[in-house]
Protein backbone atom coordinates (compact mmCIF):
# COMPACT_ATOMS: atom_id res chain seq x y z
CA MET A 1 7.98 42.03 -61.60
CA GLU A 2 5.18 39.62 -60.77
CA VAL A 3 5.94 36.75 -58.41
CA PHE A 4 4.02 33.51 -58.45
CA ILE A 5 4.18 30.43 -56.23
CA ARG A 6 4.46 26.91 -57.62
CA ALA A 7 5.25 23.41 -56.42
CA ALA A 8 8.84 22.26 -56.73
CA THR A 9 9.72 19.30 -58.94
CA PRO A 10 12.75 16.99 -58.93
CA GLU A 11 14.08 19.06 -61.86
CA ASP A 12 14.49 21.99 -59.43
CA ALA A 13 16.98 20.03 -57.29
CA GLU A 14 20.06 22.05 -58.28
CA ILE A 15 18.64 25.43 -57.20
CA LEU A 16 17.09 23.85 -54.09
CA LEU A 17 20.45 22.49 -53.01
CA GLU A 18 21.94 25.95 -53.60
CA PHE A 19 19.24 27.52 -51.41
CA GLU A 20 19.88 24.92 -48.70
CA GLN A 21 23.57 25.85 -48.57
CA LYS A 22 22.67 29.57 -48.41
CA ILE A 23 20.37 28.85 -45.44
CA ILE A 24 23.13 26.90 -43.68
CA GLU A 25 25.64 29.68 -44.40
CA ALA A 26 23.25 32.25 -42.88
CA GLU A 27 22.61 30.08 -39.81
CA ARG A 28 26.21 29.12 -38.99
CA PRO A 29 26.81 32.30 -36.95
CA PHE A 30 23.84 31.34 -34.75
CA ASP A 31 24.87 27.71 -34.15
CA ASP A 32 28.43 26.71 -33.36
CA SER A 33 27.41 23.04 -33.20
CA LEU A 34 27.07 22.76 -36.99
CA LYS A 35 29.75 20.66 -38.67
CA GLU A 36 32.26 22.36 -40.96
CA GLY A 37 32.04 21.89 -44.70
CA THR A 38 29.01 20.91 -46.71
CA ILE A 39 26.11 19.61 -44.65
CA HIS A 40 22.46 18.99 -45.46
CA TYR A 41 19.38 19.81 -43.39
CA TYR A 42 16.80 18.30 -45.71
CA ASP A 43 16.07 15.37 -47.97
CA LEU A 44 14.57 17.66 -50.60
CA LEU A 45 13.65 14.99 -53.13
CA GLU A 46 11.85 13.00 -50.45
CA LEU A 47 9.92 16.13 -49.44
CA ILE A 48 8.98 16.85 -53.07
CA ARG A 49 7.75 13.30 -53.60
CA SER A 50 5.96 12.84 -50.26
CA PRO A 51 2.15 13.13 -50.12
CA ALA A 52 2.63 14.34 -46.53
CA ALA A 53 4.72 17.36 -47.61
CA THR A 54 4.92 20.15 -50.13
CA VAL A 55 7.88 22.19 -51.33
CA LEU A 56 6.90 25.53 -52.83
CA LEU A 57 8.93 27.97 -54.89
CA ALA A 58 8.54 31.67 -55.54
CA VAL A 59 9.25 32.52 -59.18
CA ALA A 60 9.80 35.94 -60.77
CA GLY A 61 9.96 35.76 -64.54
CA ASP A 62 12.06 32.67 -65.23
CA GLU A 63 14.01 32.96 -61.97
CA ILE A 64 13.36 30.89 -58.85
CA ILE A 65 13.78 33.41 -56.04
CA GLY A 66 12.49 31.69 -52.89
CA SER A 67 11.46 28.46 -51.25
CA GLY A 68 9.72 26.85 -48.32
CA TYR A 69 8.23 23.54 -47.31
CA ALA A 70 5.49 22.20 -45.08
CA LYS A 71 5.22 18.65 -43.89
CA ILE A 72 2.74 16.84 -41.72
CA VAL A 73 4.32 15.64 -38.48
CA PRO A 74 2.80 13.85 -35.50
CA ALA A 75 1.95 15.95 -32.47
CA LYS A 76 2.84 14.98 -28.91
CA PRO A 77 0.31 12.63 -27.34
CA TYR A 78 -0.73 15.32 -24.86
CA GLN A 79 -1.55 17.94 -27.49
CA GLN A 80 -5.10 18.67 -28.66
CA TYR A 81 -4.47 17.58 -32.23
CA LYS A 82 -2.86 14.49 -33.76
CA GLU A 83 -0.74 16.24 -36.40
CA TYR A 84 0.47 19.69 -37.36
CA ALA A 85 2.31 21.34 -40.25
CA TYR A 86 6.01 21.89 -39.71
CA LEU A 87 7.42 24.66 -41.92
CA GLY A 88 11.04 24.98 -42.99
CA PHE A 89 13.46 25.67 -45.83
CA MET A 90 12.50 29.34 -45.89
CA TYR A 91 14.78 31.21 -48.26
CA VAL A 92 14.49 34.29 -50.44
CA LYS A 93 17.33 35.54 -52.62
CA PRO A 94 18.78 38.76 -51.14
CA ALA A 95 17.76 40.95 -54.11
CA PHE A 96 14.10 40.05 -53.50
CA ARG A 97 13.93 40.40 -49.72
CA GLY A 98 11.64 42.96 -48.14
CA ARG A 99 9.00 42.54 -50.86
CA GLY A 100 6.71 40.08 -49.07
CA VAL A 101 7.96 37.01 -50.95
CA ASN A 102 8.51 34.95 -47.79
CA GLN A 103 5.04 35.88 -46.55
CA ARG A 104 3.49 34.73 -49.84
CA ILE A 105 5.32 31.40 -49.62
CA ILE A 106 4.21 30.90 -46.01
CA GLN A 107 0.60 31.83 -46.80
CA ALA A 108 0.58 29.22 -49.58
CA LEU A 109 2.07 26.63 -47.21
CA LEU A 110 -0.58 27.44 -44.60
CA GLU A 111 -3.31 27.06 -47.22
CA TRP A 112 -1.90 23.63 -48.11
CA ALA A 113 -1.92 22.67 -44.41
CA LYS A 114 -5.53 23.84 -43.96
CA ALA A 115 -6.55 21.82 -47.02
CA LYS A 116 -5.01 18.77 -45.32
CA GLY A 117 -7.24 19.40 -42.29
CA LEU A 118 -4.45 20.60 -40.00
CA LYS A 119 -5.17 23.11 -37.24
CA GLU A 120 -1.67 24.35 -36.37
CA ALA A 121 1.63 25.22 -38.02
CA ARG A 122 5.00 25.43 -36.33
CA LEU A 123 8.49 26.44 -37.36
CA GLU A 124 11.87 26.96 -35.74
CA VAL A 125 14.00 30.09 -35.84
CA TYR A 126 17.22 30.98 -34.06
CA GLU A 127 16.67 33.36 -31.14
CA GLU A 128 19.32 35.74 -32.52
CA ASN A 129 17.83 35.80 -36.04
CA ILE A 130 15.86 38.98 -35.43
CA ALA A 131 14.89 39.62 -39.07
CA ALA A 132 13.42 36.13 -39.49
CA LYS A 133 11.60 36.33 -36.16
CA ARG A 134 10.01 39.63 -37.16
CA SER A 135 8.96 38.22 -40.52
CA TYR A 136 7.24 35.25 -38.88
CA GLN A 137 5.61 37.41 -36.21
CA LYS A 138 4.15 39.68 -38.91
CA ILE A 139 2.08 36.79 -40.20
CA GLY A 140 0.90 35.58 -36.81
CA PHE A 141 3.53 33.21 -35.46
CA ARG A 142 4.49 33.65 -31.83
CA ALA A 143 7.25 32.26 -29.65
CA ASN A 144 6.23 29.07 -27.91
CA LEU A 145 9.14 27.27 -26.28
CA LEU A 146 12.79 28.21 -26.05
CA GLU A 147 15.15 25.27 -26.43
CA MET A 148 18.33 25.75 -24.43
CA ARG A 149 21.65 23.96 -24.72
CA ARG A 150 25.05 23.91 -23.06
CA ALA A 151 28.38 22.51 -24.19
CA LEU A 152 29.95 19.94 -21.87
């Protein structure tokens, strides 16, 4: 089945919220600081409507099978560039994993960022999420800084 990438619209909110909960469910084992119950990582409608962001969907037939976003964020004052693209909301339905869908979404997000004149893209991934790390490394991302934490 052919997969194509398109921009999300507010009418996609229901499936986007479903994807967000699937991401949170997958990440809970990696982060014991997440609250119980329903939580939200993203303001998806704000991202869809923002000229400084894009939310993209992978579609196979009539089915939305994956997602991702890029948004322009300010860099640290000591970095060589003023802004960079921050990528997130990466999700592919389990039945479609291993087929390069995530890579196609990320490539489209990177193209959007280049068109905005950005020179760098960043994302975050849990250290223990080996599959996600490998996927990102395949398309050229590399580890940069490890954030550490400790309960008190």
